PDB file of N, CA and C in Angstrom:
ATOM      1  N   MET A   1     -53.142 -40.903  30.079  1.00  0.00           N
ATOM      2  CA  MET A   1     -51.843 -41.127  30.900  1.00  0.00           C
ATOM      3  C   MET A   1     -50.609 -40.710  30.262  1.00  0.00           C
ATOM      4  N   ASP A   2     -49.908 -40.064  30.935  1.00  0.00           N
ATOM      5  CA  ASP A   2     -48.670 -39.439  30.349  1.00  0.00           C
ATOM      6  C   ASP A   2     -47.533 -40.446  30.253  1.00  0.00           C
ATOM      7  N   ILE A   3     -47.173 -40.898  29.067  1.00  0.00           N
ATOM      8  CA  ILE A   3     -46.211 -41.728  28.888  1.00  0.00           C
ATOM      9  C   ILE A   3     -44.670 -41.065  28.634  1.00  0.00           C
ATOM     10  N   GLY A   4     -44.630 -39.982  28.578  1.00  0.00           N
ATOM     11  CA  GLY A   4     -43.392 -39.208  28.571  1.00  0.00           C
ATOM     12  C   GLY A   4     -43.497 -38.081  27.227  1.00  0.00           C
ATOM     13  N   THR A   5     -42.476 -37.884  26.839  1.00  0.00           N
ATOM     14  CA  THR A   5     -42.194 -36.581  25.942  1.00  0.00           C
ATOM     15  C   THR A   5     -42.898 -36.863  24.633  1.00  0.00           C
ATOM     16  N   LEU A   6     -43.049 -35.893  23.732  1.00  0.00           N
ATOM     17  CA  LEU A   6     -43.470 -36.113  22.362  1.00  0.00           C
ATOM     18  C   LEU A   6     -42.651 -37.193  21.599  1.00  0.00           C
ATOM     19  N   ALA A   7     -41.458 -37.298  21.802  1.00  0.00           N
ATOM     20  CA  ALA A   7     -40.782 -38.383  21.052  1.00  0.00           C
ATOM     21  C   ALA A   7     -40.897 -39.904  21.657  1.00  0.00           C
ATOM     22  N   ASP A   8     -41.626 -39.775  22.849  1.00  0.00           N
ATOM     23  CA  ASP A   8     -41.988 -41.149  23.555  1.00  0.00           C
ATOM     24  C   ASP A   8     -43.353 -41.516  22.939  1.00  0.00           C
ATOM     25  N   SER A   9     -44.008 -40.681  22.206  1.00  0.00           N
ATOM     26  CA  SER A   9     -45.398 -40.918  21.881  1.00  0.00           C
ATOM     27  C   SER A   9     -45.427 -42.232  20.704  1.00  0.00           C
ATOM     28  N   ARG A  10     -44.221 -42.604  20.121  1.00  0.00           N
ATOM     29  CA  ARG A  10     -44.070 -43.590  19.363  1.00  0.00           C
ATOM     30  C   ARG A  10     -44.394 -44.904  20.013  1.00  0.00           C
ATOM     31  N   ARG A  11     -44.306 -44.892  21.301  1.00  0.00           N
ATOM     32  CA  ARG A  11     -44.473 -46.116  22.040  1.00  0.00           C
ATOM     33  C   ARG A  11     -45.997 -46.533  22.094  1.00  0.00           C
ATOM     34  N   SER A  12     -47.016 -45.580  21.731  1.00  0.00           N
ATOM     35  CA  SER A  12     -48.338 -45.833  21.813  1.00  0.00           C
ATOM     36  C   SER A  12     -48.834 -45.886  20.374  1.00  0.00           C
ATOM     37  N   GLU A  13     -48.221 -45.980  19.313  1.00  0.00           N
ATOM     38  CA  GLU A  13     -48.671 -45.985  17.962  1.00  0.00           C
ATOM     39  C   GLU A  13     -49.196 -47.270  17.631  1.00  0.00           C
ATOM     40  N   PRO A  14     -50.057 -47.332  16.578  1.00  0.00           N
ATOM     41  CA  PRO A  14     -50.605 -48.601  15.984  1.00  0.00           C
ATOM     42  C   PRO A  14     -49.459 -49.757  16.023  1.00  0.00           C
ATOM     43  N   ILE A  15     -49.745 -50.816  15.999  1.00  0.00           N
ATOM     44  CA  ILE A  15     -49.017 -52.174  16.197  1.00  0.00           C
ATOM     45  C   ILE A  15     -47.975 -52.134  17.498  1.00  0.00           C
ATOM     46  N   THR A  16     -48.043 -51.381  18.386  1.00  0.00           N
ATOM     47  CA  THR A  16     -47.333 -51.485  19.666  1.00  0.00           C
ATOM     48  C   THR A  16     -48.341 -52.224  20.616  1.00  0.00           C
ATOM     49  N   PRO A  17     -47.725 -52.778  21.560  1.00  0.00           N
ATOM     50  CA  PRO A  17     -48.460 -53.684  22.691  1.00  0.00           C
ATOM     51  C   PRO A  17     -49.596 -52.735  23.376  1.00  0.00           C
ATOM     52  N   VAL A  18     -49.494 -51.475  23.578  1.00  0.00           N
ATOM     53  CA  VAL A  18     -50.491 -50.751  24.216  1.00  0.00           C
ATOM     54  C   VAL A  18     -51.539 -50.035  23.483  1.00  0.00           C
ATOM     55  N   TYR A  19     -51.472 -50.181  22.065  1.00  0.00           N
ATOM     56  CA  TYR A  19     -52.436 -49.653  21.328  1.00  0.00           C
ATOM     57  C   TYR A  19     -53.829 -50.052  21.387  1.00  0.00           C
ATOM     58  N   VAL A  20     -54.212 -51.262  21.253  1.00  0.00           N
ATOM     59  CA  VAL A  20     -55.640 -51.509  21.400  1.00  0.00           C
ATOM     60  C   VAL A  20     -55.866 -52.933  22.238  1.00  0.00           C
ATOM     61  N   GLU A  21     -55.011 -53.797  21.975  1.00  0.00           N
ATOM     62  CA  GLU A  21     -55.113 -55.230  22.578  1.00  0.00           C
ATOM     63  C   GLU A  21     -55.355 -55.296  23.917  1.00  0.00           C
ATOM     64  N   PRO A  22     -54.557 -54.507  24.930  1.00  0.00           N
ATOM     65  CA  PRO A  22     -54.912 -54.740  26.324  1.00  0.00           C
ATOM     66  C   PRO A  22     -56.438 -54.363  26.563  1.00  0.00           C
ATOM     67  N   TYR A  23     -57.144 -53.375  25.846  1.00  0.00           N
ATOM     68  CA  TYR A  23     -58.426 -52.918  26.138  1.00  0.00           C
ATOM     69  C   TYR A  23     -59.579 -53.832  25.573  1.00  0.00           C
ATOM     70  N   LEU A  24     -59.196 -54.591  24.369  1.00  0.00           N
ATOM     71  CA  LEU A  24     -60.182 -55.352  23.659  1.00  0.00           C
ATOM     72  C   LEU A  24     -59.885 -56.741  23.514  1.00  0.00           C
ATOM     73  N   GLY A  25     -58.535 -57.089  23.797  1.00  0.00           N
ATOM     74  CA  GLY A  25     -58.330 -58.517  23.668  1.00  0.00           C
ATOM     75  C   GLY A  25     -57.784 -58.669  22.163  1.00  0.00           C
ATOM     76  N   PRO A  26     -57.093 -59.764  21.885  1.00  0.00           N
ATOM     77  CA  PRO A  26     -56.510 -60.023  20.556  1.00  0.00           C
ATOM     78  C   PRO A  26     -57.687 -60.073  19.518  1.00  0.00           C
ATOM     79  N   ALA A  27     -57.304 -59.506  18.354  1.00  0.00           N
ATOM     80  CA  ALA A  27     -58.332 -59.656  17.268  1.00  0.00           C
ATOM     81  C   ALA A  27     -58.415 -61.172  16.763  1.00  0.00           C
ATOM     82  N   PRO A  28     -59.750 -61.467  16.598  1.00  0.00           N
ATOM     83  CA  PRO A  28     -59.956 -62.734  15.999  1.00  0.00           C
ATOM     84  C   PRO A  28     -59.274 -63.015  14.688  1.00  0.00           C
ATOM     85  N   ALA A  29     -58.777 -64.274  14.397  1.00  0.00           N
ATOM     86  CA  ALA A  29     -57.956 -64.522  13.083  1.00  0.00           C
ATOM     87  C   ALA A  29     -58.837 -64.359  11.988  1.00  0.00           C
ATOM     88  N   GLY A  30     -58.297 -63.821  10.761  1.00  0.00           N
ATOM     89  CA  GLY A  30     -58.998 -63.537   9.785  1.00  0.00           C
ATOM     90  C   GLY A  30     -59.977 -62.475   9.735  1.00  0.00           C
ATOM     91  N   LEU A  31     -59.891 -61.515  10.663  1.00  0.00           N
ATOM     92  CA  LEU A  31     -60.588 -60.323  10.596  1.00  0.00           C
ATOM     93  C   LEU A  31     -60.142 -59.269   9.676  1.00  0.00           C
ATOM     94  N   GLY A  32     -60.922 -58.954   8.756  1.00  0.00           N
ATOM     95  CA  GLY A  32     -60.558 -57.829   7.879  1.00  0.00           C
ATOM     96  C   GLY A  32     -60.613 -56.559   8.509  1.00  0.00           C
ATOM     97  N   ALA A  33     -59.943 -55.586   7.717  1.00  0.00           N
ATOM     98  CA  ALA A  33     -59.815 -54.056   8.269  1.00  0.00           C
ATOM     99  C   ALA A  33     -61.237 -53.818   8.569  1.00  0.00           C
ATOM    100  N   LYS A  34     -62.118 -53.684   7.829  1.00  0.00           N
ATOM    101  CA  LYS A  34     -63.635 -53.294   7.994  1.00  0.00           C
ATOM    102  C   LYS A  34     -64.170 -53.750   9.197  1.00  0.00           C
ATOM    103  N   GLU A  35     -64.074 -55.232   9.238  1.00  0.00           N
ATOM    104  CA  GLU A  35     -64.626 -55.661  10.568  1.00  0.00           C
ATOM    105  C   GLU A  35     -63.743 -55.299  11.870  1.00  0.00           C
ATOM    106  N   TRP A  36     -62.505 -55.166  11.778  1.00  0.00           N
ATOM    107  CA  TRP A  36     -61.775 -54.572  13.023  1.00  0.00           C
ATOM    108  C   TRP A  36     -62.170 -53.378  13.288  1.00  0.00           C
ATOM    109  N   PHE A  37     -62.437 -52.325  12.281  1.00  0.00           N
ATOM    110  CA  PHE A  37     -62.855 -51.096  12.676  1.00  0.00           C
ATOM    111  C   PHE A  37     -64.320 -51.033  13.454  1.00  0.00           C
ATOM    112  N   GLN A  38     -65.105 -51.969  12.828  1.00  0.00           N
ATOM    113  CA  GLN A  38     -66.303 -51.945  13.501  1.00  0.00           C
ATOM    114  C   GLN A  38     -66.440 -52.513  14.766  1.00  0.00           C
ATOM    115  N   ARG A  39     -65.523 -53.483  15.015  1.00  0.00           N
ATOM    116  CA  ARG A  39     -65.295 -54.157  16.346  1.00  0.00           C
ATOM    117  C   ARG A  39     -64.785 -53.100  17.346  1.00  0.00           C
ATOM    118  N   ILE A  40     -63.787 -52.317  16.992  1.00  0.00           N
ATOM    119  CA  ILE A  40     -63.249 -51.294  18.056  1.00  0.00           C
ATOM    120  C   ILE A  40     -64.161 -50.305  18.146  1.00  0.00           C
ATOM    121  N   SER A  41     -64.952 -49.864  17.069  1.00  0.00           N
ATOM    122  CA  SER A  41     -66.031 -48.780  17.096  1.00  0.00           C
ATOM    123  C   SER A  41     -67.219 -48.992  18.152  1.00  0.00           C
ATOM    124  N   GLU A  42     -67.443 -50.344  18.161  1.00  0.00           N
ATOM    125  CA  GLU A  42     -68.730 -50.637  18.846  1.00  0.00           C
ATOM    126  C   GLU A  42     -68.320 -51.295  20.404  1.00  0.00           C
ATOM    127  N   ASP A  43     -67.188 -51.728  20.480  1.00  0.00           N
ATOM    128  CA  ASP A  43     -66.809 -52.336  21.879  1.00  0.00           C
ATOM    129  C   ASP A  43     -66.053 -51.243  22.806  1.00  0.00           C
ATOM    130  N   PRO A  44     -66.842 -50.956  23.898  1.00  0.00           N
ATOM    131  CA  PRO A  44     -66.162 -50.059  24.788  1.00  0.00           C
ATOM    132  C   PRO A  44     -65.000 -50.424  25.411  1.00  0.00           C
ATOM    133  N   GLY A  45     -64.407 -51.513  25.473  1.00  0.00           N
ATOM    134  CA  GLY A  45     -63.268 -52.086  25.898  1.00  0.00           C
ATOM    135  C   GLY A  45     -63.255 -52.258  27.531  1.00  0.00           C
ATOM    136  N   ARG A  46     -62.266 -52.485  28.071  1.00  0.00           N
ATOM    137  CA  ARG A  46     -62.026 -52.518  29.645  1.00  0.00           C
ATOM    138  C   ARG A  46     -61.004 -51.753  30.072  1.00  0.00           C
ATOM    139  N   PRO A  47     -61.076 -51.285  31.224  1.00  0.00           N
ATOM    140  CA  PRO A  47     -59.920 -50.708  31.916  1.00  0.00           C
ATOM    141  C   PRO A  47     -58.792 -51.433  31.908  1.00  0.00           C
ATOM    142  N   VAL A  48     -57.631 -50.649  31.840  1.00  0.00           N
ATOM    143  CA  VAL A  48     -56.245 -51.388  32.168  1.00  0.00           C
ATOM    144  C   VAL A  48     -55.614 -50.537  33.238  1.00  0.00           C
ATOM    145  N   SER A  49     -54.878 -51.211  34.099  1.00  0.00           N
ATOM    146  CA  SER A  49     -54.200 -50.359  35.178  1.00  0.00           C
ATOM    147  C   SER A  49     -53.130 -49.549  34.564  1.00  0.00           C
ATOM    148  N   ALA A  50     -52.860 -48.477  35.385  1.00  0.00           N
ATOM    149  CA  ALA A  50     -51.700 -47.697  34.810  1.00  0.00           C
ATOM    150  C   ALA A  50     -50.357 -48.499  34.759  1.00  0.00           C
ATOM    151  N   GLU A  51     -50.259 -49.246  35.910  1.00  0.00           N
ATOM    152  CA  GLU A  51     -49.050 -50.084  35.859  1.00  0.00           C
ATOM    153  C   GLU A  51     -48.734 -50.826  34.623  1.00  0.00           C
ATOM    154  N   ARG A  52     -49.883 -51.542  34.339  1.00  0.00           N
ATOM    155  CA  ARG A  52     -49.851 -52.385  33.146  1.00  0.00           C
ATOM    156  C   ARG A  52     -49.579 -51.642  31.744  1.00  0.00           C
ATOM    157  N   VAL A  53     -50.079 -50.306  31.509  1.00  0.00           N
ATOM    158  CA  VAL A  53     -49.594 -49.561  30.606  1.00  0.00           C
ATOM    159  C   VAL A  53     -48.392 -49.091  30.592  1.00  0.00           C
ATOM    160  N   ARG A  54     -47.836 -48.826  31.883  1.00  0.00           N
ATOM    161  CA  ARG A  54     -46.335 -48.550  31.996  1.00  0.00           C
ATOM    162  C   ARG A  54     -45.559 -49.753  31.402  1.00  0.00           C
ATOM    163  N   GLU A  55     -45.836 -50.888  31.921  1.00  0.00           N
ATOM    164  CA  GLU A  55     -45.182 -52.013  31.407  1.00  0.00           C
ATOM    165  C   GLU A  55     -45.181 -52.278  29.961  1.00  0.00           C
ATOM    166  N   LEU A  56     -46.249 -52.167  29.484  1.00  0.00           N
ATOM    167  CA  LEU A  56     -46.457 -52.285  27.792  1.00  0.00           C
ATOM    168  C   LEU A  56     -45.677 -51.198  27.140  1.00  0.00           C
ATOM    169  N   VAL A  57     -45.649 -49.989  27.596  1.00  0.00           N
ATOM    170  CA  VAL A  57     -45.034 -48.835  27.007  1.00  0.00           C
ATOM    171  C   VAL A  57     -43.509 -49.070  26.985  1.00  0.00           C
ATOM    172  N   ALA A  58     -42.978 -49.601  28.139  1.00  0.00           N
ATOM    173  CA  ALA A  58     -41.751 -49.736  28.425  1.00  0.00           C
ATOM    174  C   ALA A  58     -40.989 -50.866  27.532  1.00  0.00           C
ATOM    175  N   ASP A  59     -41.770 -51.619  27.112  1.00  0.00           N
ATOM    176  CA  ASP A  59     -41.463 -52.822  26.427  1.00  0.00           C
ATOM    177  C   ASP A  59     -41.172 -52.593  24.788  1.00  0.00           C
ATOM    178  N   VAL A  60     -41.574 -51.444  24.542  1.00  0.00           N
ATOM    179  CA  VAL A  60     -41.591 -50.989  23.039  1.00  0.00           C
ATOM    180  C   VAL A  60     -40.133 -50.627  22.606  1.00  0.00           C
ATOM    181  N   VAL A  61     -39.596 -51.372  21.654  1.00  0.00           N
ATOM    182  CA  VAL A  61     -38.222 -50.959  21.186  1.00  0.00           C
ATOM    183  C   VAL A  61     -38.418 -50.762  19.647  1.00  0.00           C
ATOM    184  N   ARG A  62     -37.774 -49.687  19.378  1.00  0.00           N
ATOM    185  CA  ARG A  62     -37.907 -49.247  17.848  1.00  0.00           C
ATOM    186  C   ARG A  62     -36.705 -49.901  17.080  1.00  0.00           C
ATOM    187  N   GLY A  63     -36.863 -50.436  16.041  1.00  0.00           N
ATOM    188  CA  GLY A  63     -35.801 -51.086  15.217  1.00  0.00           C
ATOM    189  C   GLY A  63     -35.648 -50.055  14.212  1.00  0.00           C
ATOM    190  N   PRO A  64     -34.606 -50.403  13.408  1.00  0.00           N
ATOM    191  CA  PRO A  64     -34.324 -49.427  12.204  1.00  0.00           C
ATOM    192  C   PRO A  64     -35.458 -49.243  11.302  1.00  0.00           C
ATOM    193  N   VAL A  65     -35.744 -47.994  10.831  1.00  0.00           N
ATOM    194  CA  VAL A  65     -36.706 -47.562  10.050  1.00  0.00           C
ATOM    195  C   VAL A  65     -36.171 -47.873   8.600  1.00  0.00           C
ATOM    196  N   ARG A  66     -37.027 -48.621   7.821  1.00  0.00           N
ATOM    197  CA  ARG A  66     -36.750 -48.833   6.467  1.00  0.00           C
ATOM    198  C   ARG A  66     -37.933 -48.336   5.548  1.00  0.00           C
ATOM    199  N   ALA A  67     -37.822 -48.266   4.348  1.00  0.00           N
ATOM    200  CA  ALA A  67     -38.949 -47.758   3.444  1.00  0.00           C
ATOM    201  C   ALA A  67     -39.998 -48.871   3.425  1.00  0.00           C
ATOM    202  N   GLY A  68     -41.183 -48.755   3.781  1.00  0.00           N
ATOM    203  CA  GLY A  68     -42.241 -49.670   3.722  1.00  0.00           C
ATOM    204  C   GLY A  68     -42.395 -50.631   4.721  1.00  0.00           C
ATOM    205  N   VAL A  69     -41.561 -50.438   5.937  1.00  0.00           N
ATOM    206  CA  VAL A  69     -41.648 -51.247   7.103  1.00  0.00           C
ATOM    207  C   VAL A  69     -42.191 -50.394   8.192  1.00  0.00           C
ATOM    208  N   VAL A  70     -43.242 -50.885   8.821  1.00  0.00           N
ATOM    209  CA  VAL A  70     -43.750 -50.014  10.156  1.00  0.00           C
ATOM    210  C   VAL A  70     -42.856 -50.511  11.304  1.00  0.00           C
ATOM    211  N   PRO A  71     -42.327 -49.507  11.911  1.00  0.00           N
ATOM    212  CA  PRO A  71     -41.348 -49.647  13.087  1.00  0.00           C
ATOM    213  C   PRO A  71     -42.195 -50.124  14.399  1.00  0.00           C
ATOM    214  N   SER A  72     -41.570 -50.860  15.209  1.00  0.00           N
ATOM    215  CA  SER A  72     -42.258 -51.343  16.493  1.00  0.00           C
ATOM    216  C   SER A  72     -41.581 -50.775  17.528  1.00  0.00           C
TER     217      SER A  72
END
């Protein structure tokens, strides 16, 4: 799905609302990185409507970028 320009691609980066959760649901509490990777590698996920993707992408707001902080 086209979400805009290359500059807009930040709206679909890890930790943004559209990245994985709409397709797989929230990660279980206490899941380590290895278990999370295994889960997303084995679960085919489920479709999400284009309208929902547009909503999630539109909600992303980038805060100030600071060293060691991942922007949202």
